Amino acid sequence: MAKIDARRVAAFLAAPGAVRVVLLHGDDAGLVHERANALQSVIVADADPFRLTDMPRELAVKPGALVAEATALSMTGGRRLVRVRDATDALAAPLKEVLAAKAESLVLVEGGELPARSKLRTLLEPSPDAAVVACYRERGAELAATIAQMLKEEGVTAERSACEWLAGRLGEDRMQLRREVEKIALYVGQGGHVGEEEVLACIGDGSAMEIDEALIAATTGDIQLADRALESALSEGASPIAVLRNALRHMQRLHWAACAVAAGDTPAGAMESLRPPVFFKQKAAFERALRLWSPATLEAAGAMLLEAEKRSKSSSSARPVPDGAVLRQAMMAIARQAAMSKRR
C-alpha cells in the first residue's frame, strides 16, 4: 500500500483494510496523535483492553518482543492493535519481523520527522502490508479549510474570512488548534455562526493584538500610538524578533496590495484579494496606509526590516545590541516615513 496520498488519508483512516503496520510521522505531533487516535477507534472501537496494547518503545525494540505481541491472539475476538509511540529507526528490525510473521494485529507506529532514507520509511514504504502517512503542518488555505471542517464537526458554521484569520493567528500545531476551535464552538454554541467579531471576542491574544495595532499605527504615521502599542506588546511578552518578522509580513502584504493598486485595482479590491484578507477592524487603517506608501518605499522598508532582524541575530557579547532597541528603531523609522508622507 506504501505512502498514503494526502487526499486519501481520511478514507484510509476510516477503513485501513488488512495492512499490518501503519507508520504516522511528521513535524506536527498533534496531527500524528489525532490520526493515531482516529485509527485506534476504528480498530478497537470500545477500547477493549484485551485488544489494545500501548507498548513502550523501550520494550518494543527488544528482540522478539514486538512480534510476540503482534501475533498474540485476542481473548475476546476481533482484531488487536499494538501502539508504539516516539518511534526511531531502532524499530526497523522488530517491524521487519512483524511483516514476515504475517501478524493479524495492526501495529500502529507514531514518529516525528523522518527523512526519506530513514530505516523505517525504507522498510515500510515499499511493503504491500504497510502504510505510511505523513503528518505535516498545514498552512494557508489548507489550514483554513481544516479549521472550517473542525468547526463543522462541532456543529458550527464559519465565514471564510474568520477561518483565514484563525489560520494566520492560531499556529499550526493540531492539538493547540483543536483546543482553540473547541473553545470557539463553545462560545457561539451549537448551531452558531463564527464571524470575525466572534473570533476576536473569543481568542483575541493581548500581545498579538498590540503588535497589530503597533504595525497599523506605524504604517499610517501615528508615531505616538505606534510607540505605546509596541511598548505594550513587549510588556505582554512579545519577542522583538517575532515582532520584526510580523512587521516584515505586514509590509509585504502592503507591498502586494500597493502593486495591485498601481496596476489599476481599487484599494478595496486589493485588500480582499490578500490571503488571509485584511481583518475587518483594520480595513480603514490599511487603506490609509496604502495611500501613504508606494511599492518602492515599501520595498525599502522591507529591506530595512530584514537588516534589523540580521542585526538582532548577529549581536555579540563584545558589542551587544538589545533586540528591543533594534526593533524600536525600525518601527519608528517606518512611522516617521509614513508621517512625512501625510504632510506632503
C-alpha atoms as a PDB file:
ATOM      1  CA  MET A   1       0.000   0.000   0.000  1.00  0.00           C
ATOM      2  CA  ALA A   2       3.017   2.247   0.643  1.00  0.00           C
ATOM      3  CA  LYS A   3       2.625   6.005   1.149  1.00  0.00           C
ATOM      4  CA  ILE A   4      -0.924   7.301   1.510  1.00  0.00           C
ATOM      5  CA  ASP A   5      -1.664  10.348  -0.608  1.00  0.00           C
ATOM      6  CA  ALA A   6      -2.903  13.352   1.396  1.00  0.00           C
ATOM      7  CA  ARG A   7      -6.242  13.231  -0.422  1.00  0.00           C
ATOM      8  CA  ARG A   8      -6.775   9.608   0.669  1.00  0.00           C
ATOM      9  CA  VAL A   9      -5.770   9.908   4.309  1.00  0.00           C
ATOM     10  CA  ALA A  10      -9.288  10.399   5.719  1.00  0.00           C
ATOM     11  CA  ALA A  11     -10.652   7.429   3.769  1.00  0.00           C
ATOM     12  CA  PHE A  12      -7.713   5.246   4.799  1.00  0.00           C
ATOM     13  CA  LEU A  13      -8.074   6.093   8.499  1.00  0.00           C
ATOM     14  CA  ALA A  14     -11.767   5.177   8.320  1.00  0.00           C
ATOM     15  CA  ALA A  15     -11.030   1.843   6.578  1.00  0.00           C
ATOM     16  CA  PRO A  16      -7.368   0.745   6.826  1.00  0.00           C
ATOM     17  CA  GLY A  17      -8.055  -2.712   5.388  1.00  0.00           C
ATOM     18  CA  ALA A  18      -5.687  -5.593   6.090  1.00  0.00           C
ATOM     19  CA  VAL A  19      -2.415  -3.678   6.434  1.00  0.00           C
ATOM     20  CA  ARG A  20      -0.282  -4.974   9.296  1.00  0.00           C
ATOM     21  CA  VAL A  21       1.800  -1.875  10.061  1.00  0.00           C
ATOM     22  CA  VAL A  22       0.894   1.796   9.875  1.00  0.00           C
ATOM     23  CA  LEU A  23       3.536   4.493  10.338  1.00  0.00           C
ATOM     24  CA  LEU A  24       2.374   8.017  11.134  1.00  0.00           C
ATOM     25  CA  HIS A  25       5.232  10.520  11.016  1.00  0.00           C
ATOM     26  CA  GLY A  26       5.867  14.224  10.538  1.00  0.00           C
ATOM     27  CA  ASP A  27       6.554  17.567  12.174  1.00  0.00           C
ATOM     28  CA  ASP A  28       3.028  18.001  13.576  1.00  0.00           C
ATOM     29  CA  ALA A  29       2.972  15.830  16.709  1.00  0.00           C
ATOM     30  CA  GLY A  30      -0.610  16.873  17.376  1.00  0.00           C
ATOM     31  CA  LEU A  31      -1.759  15.643  13.968  1.00  0.00           C
ATOM     32  CA  VAL A  32       0.156  12.373  14.406  1.00  0.00           C
ATOM     33  CA  HIS A  33      -1.587  11.828  17.748  1.00  0.00           C
ATOM     34  CA  GLU A  34      -5.010  12.795  16.389  1.00  0.00           C
ATOM     35  CA  ARG A  35      -4.766  10.431  13.423  1.00  0.00           C
ATOM     36  CA  ALA A  36      -3.482   7.625  15.626  1.00  0.00           C
ATOM     37  CA  ASN A  37      -6.490   8.037  17.910  1.00  0.00           C
ATOM     38  CA  ALA A  38      -8.818   8.019  14.895  1.00  0.00           C
ATOM     39  CA  LEU A  39      -7.291   4.783  13.617  1.00  0.00           C
ATOM     40  CA  GLN A  40      -7.403   3.204  17.072  1.00  0.00           C
ATOM     41  CA  SER A  41     -11.120   3.976  17.379  1.00  0.00           C
ATOM     42  CA  VAL A  42     -11.747   2.154  14.086  1.00  0.00           C
ATOM     43  CA  ILE A  43      -9.788  -0.984  15.033  1.00  0.00           C
ATOM     44  CA  VAL A  44     -10.770  -1.113  18.716  1.00  0.00           C
ATOM     45  CA  ALA A  45     -13.964   0.907  18.915  1.00  0.00           C
ATOM     46  CA  ASP A  46     -14.675   0.137  22.562  1.00  0.00           C
ATOM     47  CA  ALA A  47     -11.032   0.411  23.744  1.00  0.00           C
ATOM     48  CA  ASP A  48     -11.171  -3.251  24.836  1.00  0.00           C
ATOM     49  CA  PRO A  49      -8.027  -3.724  26.974  1.00  0.00           C
ATOM     50  CA  PHE A  50      -7.677  -7.294  25.667  1.00  0.00           C
ATOM     51  CA  ARG A  51      -7.413  -5.969  22.107  1.00  0.00           C
ATOM     52  CA  LEU A  52      -5.321  -2.867  22.731  1.00  0.00           C
ATOM     53  CA  THR A  53      -1.676  -2.716  23.795  1.00  0.00           C
ATOM     54  CA  ASP A  54       0.170   0.564  24.279  1.00  0.00           C
ATOM     55  CA  MET A  55       3.723  -0.760  24.098  1.00  0.00           C
ATOM     56  CA  PRO A  56       6.663   1.358  25.326  1.00  0.00           C
ATOM     57  CA  ARG A  57       9.280   1.850  22.647  1.00  0.00           C
ATOM     58  CA  GLU A  58      11.993   0.618  25.008  1.00  0.00           C
ATOM     59  CA  LEU A  59      10.201  -2.730  25.207  1.00  0.00           C
ATOM     60  CA  ALA A  60       9.228  -2.874  21.530  1.00  0.00           C
ATOM     61  CA  VAL A  61      12.863  -2.690  20.354  1.00  0.00           C
ATOM     62  CA  LYS A  62      13.874  -5.749  22.382  1.00  0.00           C
ATOM     63  CA  PRO A  63      14.392  -8.853  20.214  1.00  0.00           C
ATOM     64  CA  GLY A  64      11.170 -10.801  19.733  1.00  0.00           C
ATOM     65  CA  ALA A  65       9.005  -8.564  21.948  1.00  0.00           C
ATOM     66  CA  LEU A  66       7.042  -6.709  19.255  1.00  0.00           C
ATOM     67  CA  VAL A  67       6.407  -9.698  17.024  1.00  0.00           C
ATOM     68  CA  ALA A  68       5.246 -11.712  20.059  1.00  0.00           C
ATOM     69  CA  GLU A  69       2.746  -9.011  20.960  1.00  0.00           C
ATOM     70  CA  ALA A  70       1.590  -8.603  17.346  1.00  0.00           C
ATOM     71  CA  THR A  71       0.963 -12.332  16.879  1.00  0.00           C
ATOM     72  CA  ALA A  72      -0.840 -12.836  20.219  1.00  0.00           C
ATOM     73  CA  LEU A  73      -4.444 -13.943  19.916  1.00  0.00           C
ATOM     74  CA  SER A  74      -7.335 -11.792  21.062  1.00  0.00           C
ATOM     75  CA  MET A  75      -9.111 -13.295  24.073  1.00  0.00           C
ATOM     76  CA  THR A  76     -12.398 -11.579  23.216  1.00  0.00           C
ATOM     77  CA  GLY A  77     -12.315 -11.831  19.435  1.00  0.00           C
ATOM     78  CA  GLY A  78     -11.721  -9.069  16.919  1.00  0.00           C
ATOM     79  CA  ARG A  79      -8.524  -7.562  15.646  1.00  0.00           C
ATOM     80  CA  ARG A  80      -5.881  -6.400  18.100  1.00  0.00           C
ATOM     81  CA  LEU A  81      -3.950  -3.144  17.902  1.00  0.00           C
ATOM     82  CA  VAL A  82      -0.418  -2.624  19.177  1.00  0.00           C
ATOM     83  CA  ARG A  83       0.524   1.045  19.500  1.00  0.00           C
ATOM     84  CA  VAL A  84       4.142   2.233  19.730  1.00  0.00           C
ATOM     85  CA  ARG A  85       4.952   5.915  20.198  1.00  0.00           C
ATOM     86  CA  ASP A  86       8.092   8.020  19.673  1.00  0.00           C
ATOM     87  CA  ALA A  87       9.385   5.660  17.007  1.00  0.00           C
ATOM     88  CA  THR A  88      13.013   5.679  15.894  1.00  0.00           C
ATOM     89  CA  ASP A  89      14.944   3.606  13.362  1.00  0.00           C
ATOM     90  CA  ALA A  90      15.641   1.110  16.167  1.00  0.00           C
ATOM     91  CA  LEU A  91      12.135  -0.231  15.432  1.00  0.00           C
ATOM     92  CA  ALA A  92      13.016  -1.200  11.859  1.00  0.00           C
ATOM     93  CA  ALA A  93      14.240  -4.725  12.724  1.00  0.00           C
ATOM     94  CA  PRO A  94      11.270  -5.555  15.010  1.00  0.00           C
ATOM     95  CA  LEU A  95       8.820  -4.311  12.379  1.00  0.00           C
ATOM     96  CA  LYS A  96      10.547  -6.426   9.726  1.00  0.00           C
ATOM     97  CA  GLU A  97       9.822  -9.445  11.944  1.00  0.00           C
ATOM     98  CA  VAL A  98       6.175  -8.390  12.268  1.00  0.00           C
ATOM     99  CA  LEU A  99       5.780  -8.150   8.478  1.00  0.00           C
ATOM    100  CA  ALA A 100       7.467 -11.507   7.936  1.00  0.00           C
ATOM    101  CA  ALA A 101       5.237 -13.179  10.536  1.00  0.00           C
ATOM    102  CA  LYS A 102       2.060 -12.020   8.768  1.00  0.00           C
ATOM    103  CA  ALA A 103       0.669 -10.979  12.144  1.00  0.00           C
ATOM    104  CA  GLU A 104      -3.092 -10.417  12.264  1.00  0.00           C
ATOM    105  CA  SER A 105      -2.794  -7.471  14.658  1.00  0.00           C
ATOM    106  CA  LEU A 106      -2.297  -3.935  13.399  1.00  0.00           C
ATOM    107  CA  VAL A 107       0.906  -2.340  14.659  1.00  0.00           C
ATOM    108  CA  LEU A 108       0.446   1.417  14.820  1.00  0.00           C
ATOM    109  CA  VAL A 109       3.722   3.356  14.980  1.00  0.00           C
ATOM    110  CA  GLU A 110       3.950   7.078  15.756  1.00  0.00           C
ATOM    111  CA  GLY A 111       7.098   9.034  14.920  1.00  0.00           C
ATOM    112  CA  GLY A 112       8.409  12.535  14.421  1.00  0.00           C
ATOM    113  CA  GLU A 113      10.103  13.882  11.313  1.00  0.00           C
ATOM    114  CA  LEU A 114      11.748  11.006   9.471  1.00  0.00           C
ATOM    115  CA  PRO A 115      13.974  11.598   6.435  1.00  0.00           C
ATOM    116  CA  ALA A 116      13.181   9.696   3.252  1.00  0.00           C
ATOM    117  CA  ARG A 117      16.218   7.455   3.799  1.00  0.00           C
ATOM    118  CA  SER A 118      15.338   6.525   7.375  1.00  0.00           C
ATOM    119  CA  LYS A 119      15.296   2.795   8.043  1.00  0.00           C
ATOM    120  CA  LEU A 120      11.629   2.884   8.996  1.00  0.00           C
ATOM    121  CA  ARG A 121      10.491   4.554   5.801  1.00  0.00           C
ATOM    122  CA  THR A 122      12.731   2.499   3.501  1.00  0.00           C
ATOM    123  CA  LEU A 123      11.375  -0.671   5.126  1.00  0.00           C
ATOM    124  CA  LEU A 124       7.691   0.232   5.175  1.00  0.00           C
ATOM    125  CA  GLU A 125       7.070   2.352   2.069  1.00  0.00           C
ATOM    126  CA  PRO A 126       7.739  -0.494  -0.415  1.00  0.00           C
ATOM    127  CA  SER A 127       5.792  -3.065   1.624  1.00  0.00           C
ATOM    128  CA  PRO A 128       2.295  -4.077   0.448  1.00  0.00           C
ATOM    129  CA  ASP A 129       1.446  -4.901   4.077  1.00  0.00           C
ATOM    130  CA  ALA A 130       2.304  -1.456   5.438  1.00  0.00           C
ATOM    131  CA  ALA A 131       1.031   2.096   5.076  1.00  0.00           C
ATOM    132  CA  VAL A 132       2.957   5.309   5.697  1.00  0.00           C
ATOM    133  CA  VAL A 133       1.097   8.554   6.408  1.00  0.00           C
ATOM    134  CA  ALA A 134       2.940  11.869   6.523  1.00  0.00           C
ATOM    135  CA  CYS A 135       1.597  14.356   9.082  1.00  0.00           C
ATOM    136  CA  TYR A 136       2.993  17.757   8.221  1.00  0.00           C
ATOM    137  CA  ARG A 137       1.802  21.124   9.463  1.00  0.00           C
ATOM    138  CA  GLU A 138      -0.866  22.694   7.289  1.00  0.00           C
ATOM    139  CA  ARG A 139      -0.641  26.320   6.234  1.00  0.00           C
ATOM    140  CA  GLY A 140      -2.640  28.987   4.455  1.00  0.00           C
ATOM    141  CA  ALA A 141      -5.760  27.905   2.595  1.00  0.00           C
ATOM    142  CA  GLU A 142      -5.292  24.244   3.567  1.00  0.00           C
ATOM    143  CA  LEU A 143      -5.221  25.141   7.263  1.00  0.00           C
ATOM    144  CA  ALA A 144      -8.232  27.463   6.893  1.00  0.00           C
ATOM    145  CA  ALA A 145     -10.189  24.628   5.284  1.00  0.00           C
ATOM    146  CA  THR A 146      -9.254  22.309   8.148  1.00  0.00           C
ATOM    147  CA  ILE A 147     -10.459  24.876  10.684  1.00  0.00           C
ATOM    148  CA  ALA A 148     -13.770  25.196   8.837  1.00  0.00           C
ATOM    149  CA  GLN A 149     -14.148  21.400   8.864  1.00  0.00           C
ATOM    150  CA  MET A 150     -13.356  21.207  12.585  1.00  0.00           C
ATOM    151  CA  LEU A 151     -15.972  23.841  13.340  1.00  0.00           C
ATOM    152  CA  LYS A 152     -18.477  21.979  11.165  1.00  0.00           C
ATOM    153  CA  GLU A 153     -17.826  18.820  13.180  1.00  0.00           C
ATOM    154  CA  GLU A 154     -18.639  20.850  16.305  1.00  0.00           C
ATOM    155  CA  GLY A 155     -21.986  21.859  14.784  1.00  0.00           C
ATOM    156  CA  VAL A 156     -20.868  25.393  13.944  1.00  0.00           C
ATOM    157  CA  THR A 157     -20.667  27.269  10.645  1.00  0.00           C
ATOM    158  CA  ALA A 158     -17.968  29.835   9.925  1.00  0.00           C
ATOM    159  CA  GLU A 159     -17.248  32.640   7.488  1.00  0.00           C
ATOM    160  CA  ARG A 160     -14.288  32.074   5.207  1.00  0.00           C
ATOM    161  CA  SER A 161     -12.607  35.273   6.367  1.00  0.00           C
ATOM    162  CA  ALA A 162     -12.861  34.154  10.001  1.00  0.00           C
ATOM    163  CA  CYS A 163     -11.221  30.806   9.192  1.00  0.00           C
ATOM    164  CA  GLU A 164      -8.452  32.530   7.245  1.00  0.00           C
ATOM    165  CA  TRP A 165      -7.797  34.904  10.131  1.00  0.00           C
ATOM    166  CA  LEU A 166      -7.676  31.962  12.534  1.00  0.00           C
ATOM    167  CA  ALA A 167      -5.264  30.112  10.238  1.00  0.00           C
ATOM    168  CA  GLY A 168      -2.885  33.040  10.392  1.00  0.00           C
ATOM    169  CA  ARG A 169      -3.239  33.524  14.135  1.00  0.00           C
ATOM    170  CA  LEU A 170      -3.575  30.150  15.846  1.00  0.00           C
ATOM    171  CA  GLY A 171      -0.398  28.485  14.668  1.00  0.00           C
ATOM    172  CA  GLU A 172      -0.092  25.090  13.033  1.00  0.00           C
ATOM    173  CA  ASP A 173       0.064  22.578  15.889  1.00  0.00           C
ATOM    174  CA  ARG A 174      -3.008  20.377  15.589  1.00  0.00           C
ATOM    175  CA  MET A 175      -3.558  19.826  19.311  1.00  0.00           C
ATOM    176  CA  GLN A 176      -3.468  23.532  20.097  1.00  0.00           C
ATOM    177  CA  LEU A 177      -5.615  24.267  17.063  1.00  0.00           C
ATOM    178  CA  ARG A 178      -8.313  21.815  18.083  1.00  0.00           C
ATOM    179  CA  ARG A 179      -8.424  23.220  21.627  1.00  0.00           C
ATOM    180  CA  GLU A 180      -8.960  26.732  20.268  1.00  0.00           C
ATOM    181  CA  VAL A 181     -11.611  25.544  17.801  1.00  0.00           C
ATOM    182  CA  GLU A 182     -13.473  23.767  20.600  1.00  0.00           C
ATOM    183  CA  LYS A 183     -13.339  26.970  22.651  1.00  0.00           C
ATOM    184  CA  ILE A 184     -14.797  28.989  19.770  1.00  0.00           C
ATOM    185  CA  ALA A 185     -17.550  26.403  19.197  1.00  0.00           C
ATOM    186  CA  LEU A 186     -18.430  26.502  22.882  1.00  0.00           C
ATOM    187  CA  TYR A 187     -18.507  30.304  22.765  1.00  0.00           C
ATOM    188  CA  VAL A 188     -21.002  30.532  19.879  1.00  0.00           C
ATOM    189  CA  GLY A 189     -22.974  27.426  20.901  1.00  0.00           C
ATOM    190  CA  GLN A 190     -24.385  24.504  18.926  1.00  0.00           C
ATOM    191  CA  GLY A 191     -25.734  25.699  15.594  1.00  0.00           C
ATOM    192  CA  GLY A 192     -23.968  29.045  15.982  1.00  0.00           C
ATOM    193  CA  HIS A 193     -22.105  31.038  13.375  1.00  0.00           C
ATOM    194  CA  VAL A 194     -18.488  32.212  13.605  1.00  0.00           C
ATOM    195  CA  GLY A 195     -17.645  35.548  12.038  1.00  0.00           C
ATOM    196  CA  GLU A 196     -14.748  37.916  12.580  1.00  0.00           C
ATOM    197  CA  GLU A 197     -16.415  39.560  15.580  1.00  0.00           C
ATOM    198  CA  GLU A 198     -16.864  36.212  17.342  1.00  0.00           C
ATOM    199  CA  VAL A 199     -13.284  35.203  16.603  1.00  0.00           C
ATOM    200  CA  LEU A 200     -11.931  38.437  18.012  1.00  0.00           C
ATOM    201  CA  ALA A 201     -14.085  38.221  21.120  1.00  0.00           C
ATOM    202  CA  CYS A 202     -13.145  34.623  21.801  1.00  0.00           C
ATOM    203  CA  ILE A 203      -9.427  34.317  21.141  1.00  0.00           C
ATOM    204  CA  GLY A 204      -8.052  37.847  20.979  1.00  0.00           C
ATOM    205  CA  ASP A 205      -4.421  37.485  22.120  1.00  0.00           C
ATOM    206  CA  GLY A 206      -3.267  40.543  24.061  1.00  0.00           C
ATOM    207  CA  SER A 207       0.281  40.787  22.736  1.00  0.00           C
ATOM    208  CA  ALA A 208      -0.752  39.784  19.197  1.00  0.00           C
ATOM    209  CA  MET A 209      -3.430  42.480  19.094  1.00  0.00           C
ATOM    210  CA  GLU A 210      -0.949  45.056  20.401  1.00  0.00           C
ATOM    211  CA  ILE A 211       1.513  44.065  17.666  1.00  0.00           C
ATOM    212  CA  ASP A 212      -1.188  44.519  15.039  1.00  0.00           C
ATOM    213  CA  GLU A 213      -2.060  47.940  16.488  1.00  0.00           C
ATOM    214  CA  ALA A 214       1.606  48.968  16.515  1.00  0.00           C
ATOM    215  CA  LEU A 215       2.077  47.935  12.881  1.00  0.00           C
ATOM    216  CA  ILE A 216      -1.076  49.696  11.714  1.00  0.00           C
ATOM    217  CA  ALA A 217      -0.144  52.843  13.665  1.00  0.00           C
ATOM    218  CA  ALA A 218       3.403  52.848  12.287  1.00  0.00           C
ATOM    219  CA  THR A 219       2.337  52.413   8.662  1.00  0.00           C
ATOM    220  CA  THR A 220      -0.268  55.187   8.987  1.00  0.00           C
ATOM    221  CA  GLY A 221       2.200  57.610  10.566  1.00  0.00           C
ATOM    222  CA  ASP A 222       0.820  57.684  14.123  1.00  0.00           C
ATOM    223  CA  ILE A 223       4.170  57.750  15.888  1.00  0.00           C
ATOM    224  CA  GLN A 224       2.896  58.071  19.455  1.00  0.00           C
ATOM    225  CA  LEU A 225       0.336  55.272  19.146  1.00  0.00           C
ATOM    226  CA  ALA A 226       2.887  53.017  17.443  1.00  0.00           C
ATOM    227  CA  ASP A 227       5.328  53.584  20.300  1.00  0.00           C
ATOM    228  CA  ARG A 228       2.716  52.920  23.006  1.00  0.00           C
ATOM    229  CA  ALA A 229       1.357  49.786  21.315  1.00  0.00           C
ATOM    230  CA  LEU A 230       4.870  48.447  20.740  1.00  0.00           C
ATOM    231  CA  GLU A 231       5.794  49.005  24.380  1.00  0.00           C
ATOM    232  CA  SER A 232       2.586  47.286  25.472  1.00  0.00           C
ATOM    233  CA  ALA A 233       3.243  44.279  23.188  1.00  0.00           C
ATOM    234  CA  LEU A 234       6.765  43.870  24.558  1.00  0.00           C
ATOM    235  CA  SER A 235       5.495  44.124  28.145  1.00  0.00           C
ATOM    236  CA  GLU A 236       2.962  41.375  27.300  1.00  0.00           C
ATOM    237  CA  GLY A 237       5.889  39.120  26.394  1.00  0.00           C
ATOM    238  CA  ALA A 238       6.180  39.580  22.625  1.00  0.00           C
ATOM    239  CA  SER A 239       9.610  38.683  21.230  1.00  0.00           C
ATOM    240  CA  PRO A 240      11.359  41.580  19.409  1.00  0.00           C
ATOM    241  CA  ILE A 241      12.479  39.256  16.602  1.00  0.00           C
ATOM    242  CA  ALA A 242       8.938  37.873  16.265  1.00  0.00           C
ATOM    243  CA  VAL A 243       7.625  41.456  16.014  1.00  0.00           C
ATOM    244  CA  LEU A 244      10.211  42.231  13.330  1.00  0.00           C
ATOM    245  CA  ARG A 245       9.048  39.207  11.338  1.00  0.00           C
ATOM    246  CA  ASN A 246       5.410  40.247  11.759  1.00  0.00           C
ATOM    247  CA  ALA A 247       6.350  43.721  10.584  1.00  0.00           C
ATOM    248  CA  LEU A 248       8.053  42.296   7.507  1.00  0.00           C
ATOM    249  CA  ARG A 249       4.975  40.199   6.656  1.00  0.00           C
ATOM    250  CA  HIS A 250       2.794  43.284   7.123  1.00  0.00           C
ATOM    251  CA  MET A 251       4.968  45.334   4.769  1.00  0.00           C
ATOM    252  CA  GLN A 252       4.968  42.507   2.230  1.00  0.00           C
ATOM    253  CA  ARG A 253       1.157  42.428   2.301  1.00  0.00           C
ATOM    254  CA  LEU A 254       1.055  46.203   1.884  1.00  0.00           C
ATOM    255  CA  HIS A 255       3.534  45.918  -0.996  1.00  0.00           C
ATOM    256  CA  TRP A 256       1.412  43.289  -2.752  1.00  0.00           C
ATOM    257  CA  ALA A 257      -1.704  45.434  -2.366  1.00  0.00           C
ATOM    258  CA  ALA A 258       0.141  48.600  -3.436  1.00  0.00           C
ATOM    259  CA  CYS A 259       1.343  46.859  -6.601  1.00  0.00           C
ATOM    260  CA  ALA A 260      -2.245  45.742  -7.314  1.00  0.00           C
ATOM    261  CA  VAL A 261      -3.470  49.321  -6.880  1.00  0.00           C
ATOM    262  CA  ALA A 262      -0.689  50.606  -9.145  1.00  0.00           C
ATOM    263  CA  ALA A 263      -1.852  48.088 -11.757  1.00  0.00           C
ATOM    264  CA  GLY A 264      -5.385  49.503 -11.674  1.00  0.00           C
ATOM    265  CA  ASP A 265      -7.151  47.650  -8.871  1.00  0.00           C
ATOM    266  CA  THR A 266      -9.084  49.536  -6.206  1.00  0.00           C
ATOM    267  CA  PRO A 267      -7.754  49.566  -2.624  1.00  0.00           C
ATOM    268  CA  ALA A 268     -10.809  47.572  -1.513  1.00  0.00           C
ATOM    269  CA  GLY A 269     -10.270  45.004  -4.264  1.00  0.00           C
ATOM    270  CA  ALA A 270      -6.569  44.727  -3.480  1.00  0.00           C
ATOM    271  CA  MET A 271      -7.287  44.136   0.202  1.00  0.00           C
ATOM    272  CA  GLU A 272      -9.908  41.473  -0.481  1.00  0.00           C
ATOM    273  CA  SER A 273      -7.517  39.588  -2.748  1.00  0.00           C
ATOM    274  CA  LEU A 274      -4.947  39.217   0.046  1.00  0.00           C
ATOM    275  CA  ARG A 275      -4.826  35.852   1.794  1.00  0.00           C
ATOM    276  CA  PRO A 276      -5.760  35.999   4.530  1.00  0.00           C
ATOM    277  CA  PRO A 277      -7.807  39.122   3.725  1.00  0.00           C
ATOM    278  CA  VAL A 278      -7.375  42.219   5.850  1.00  0.00           C
ATOM    279  CA  PHE A 279      -9.164  41.823   9.175  1.00  0.00           C
ATOM    280  CA  PHE A 280     -12.373  43.845   9.216  1.00  0.00           C
ATOM    281  CA  LYS A 281     -11.301  46.131  12.069  1.00  0.00           C
ATOM    282  CA  GLN A 282      -8.100  47.046  10.195  1.00  0.00           C
ATOM    283  CA  LYS A 283      -9.509  47.738   6.725  1.00  0.00           C
ATOM    284  CA  ALA A 284      -9.853  51.515   7.076  1.00  0.00           C
ATOM    285  CA  ALA A 285      -6.347  51.908   8.510  1.00  0.00           C
ATOM    286  CA  PHE A 286      -4.869  49.507   5.922  1.00  0.00           C
ATOM    287  CA  GLU A 287      -6.409  51.592   3.135  1.00  0.00           C
ATOM    288  CA  ARG A 288      -4.979  54.786   4.671  1.00  0.00           C
ATOM    289  CA  ALA A 289      -1.556  53.140   4.696  1.00  0.00           C
ATOM    290  CA  LEU A 290      -1.932  52.193   1.026  1.00  0.00           C
ATOM    291  CA  ARG A 291      -2.339  55.868   0.213  1.00  0.00           C
ATOM    292  CA  LEU A 292       0.885  56.746   2.055  1.00  0.00           C
ATOM    293  CA  TRP A 293       3.214  54.094   0.676  1.00  0.00           C
ATOM    294  CA  SER A 294       4.381  53.310  -2.844  1.00  0.00           C
ATOM    295  CA  PRO A 295       5.725  49.925  -3.954  1.00  0.00           C
ATOM    296  CA  ALA A 296       9.242  51.428  -3.983  1.00  0.00           C
ATOM    297  CA  THR A 297       9.083  52.804  -0.423  1.00  0.00           C
ATOM    298  CA  LEU A 298       7.590  49.534   0.816  1.00  0.00           C
ATOM    299  CA  GLU A 299      10.453  47.602  -0.786  1.00  0.00           C
ATOM    300  CA  ALA A 300      12.915  49.877   1.011  1.00  0.00           C
ATOM    301  CA  ALA A 301      11.097  49.393   4.309  1.00  0.00           C
ATOM    302  CA  GLY A 302      11.160  45.622   3.851  1.00  0.00           C
ATOM    303  CA  ALA A 303      14.919  45.694   3.207  1.00  0.00           C
ATOM    304  CA  MET A 304      15.384  47.790   6.347  1.00  0.00           C
ATOM    305  CA  LEU A 305      13.408  45.261   8.417  1.00  0.00           C
ATOM    306  CA  LEU A 306      15.476  42.368   7.055  1.00  0.00           C
ATOM    307  CA  GLU A 307      18.625  44.230   8.043  1.00  0.00           C
ATOM    308  CA  ALA A 308      17.161  44.898  11.508  1.00  0.00           C
ATOM    309  CA  GLU A 309      16.474  41.198  12.007  1.00  0.00           C
ATOM    310  CA  LYS A 310      20.005  40.398  10.884  1.00  0.00           C
ATOM    311  CA  ARG A 311      21.405  42.898  13.396  1.00  0.00           C
ATOM    312  CA  SER A 312      19.307  41.379  16.170  1.00  0.00           C
ATOM    313  CA  LYS A 313      20.690  37.914  15.455  1.00  0.00           C
ATOM    314  CA  SER A 314      24.326  38.922  14.957  1.00  0.00           C
ATOM    315  CA  SER A 315      24.996  40.935  18.113  1.00  0.00           C
ATOM    316  CA  SER A 316      27.826  39.611  20.280  1.00  0.00           C
ATOM    317  CA  SER A 317      28.757  39.855  23.943  1.00  0.00           C
ATOM    318  CA  ALA A 318      31.549  42.239  22.965  1.00  0.00           C
ATOM    319  CA  ARG A 319      29.186  44.579  21.112  1.00  0.00           C
ATOM    320  CA  PRO A 320      25.709  43.850  22.452  1.00  0.00           C
ATOM    321  CA  VAL A 321      22.752  45.369  20.599  1.00  0.00           C
ATOM    322  CA  PRO A 322      19.479  44.924  22.533  1.00  0.00           C
ATOM    323  CA  ASP A 323      16.794  43.362  20.339  1.00  0.00           C
ATOM    324  CA  GLY A 324      14.235  45.794  21.709  1.00  0.00           C
ATOM    325  CA  ALA A 325      16.329  48.779  20.692  1.00  0.00           C
ATOM    326  CA  VAL A 326      16.789  47.459  17.150  1.00  0.00           C
ATOM    327  CA  LEU A 327      13.050  46.821  16.872  1.00  0.00           C
ATOM    328  CA  ARG A 328      12.080  50.234  18.225  1.00  0.00           C
ATOM    329  CA  GLN A 329      14.474  51.978  15.813  1.00  0.00           C
ATOM    330  CA  ALA A 330      12.997  50.085  12.851  1.00  0.00           C
ATOM    331  CA  MET A 331       9.380  50.720  13.860  1.00  0.00           C
ATOM    332  CA  MET A 332       9.957  54.412  14.479  1.00  0.00           C
ATOM    333  CA  ALA A 333      11.667  54.715  11.088  1.00  0.00           C
ATOM    334  CA  ILE A 334       8.548  53.279   9.447  1.00  0.00           C
ATOM    335  CA  ALA A 335       6.261  55.569  11.452  1.00  0.00           C
ATOM    336  CA  ARG A 336       8.314  58.661  10.571  1.00  0.00           C
ATOM    337  CA  GLN A 337       8.318  57.730   6.883  1.00  0.00           C
ATOM    338  CA  ALA A 338       4.523  57.434   6.913  1.00  0.00           C
ATOM    339  CA  ALA A 339       4.155  60.695   8.889  1.00  0.00           C
ATOM    340  CA  MET A 340       6.280  62.524   6.309  1.00  0.00           C
ATOM    341  CA  SER A 341       4.096  61.161   3.512  1.00  0.00           C
ATOM    342  CA  LYS A 342       0.989  62.503   5.291  1.00  0.00           C
ATOM    343  CA  ARG A 343       2.450  66.010   5.375  1.00  0.00           C
ATOM    344  CA  ARG A 344       3.146  66.125   1.657  1.00  0.00           C
END
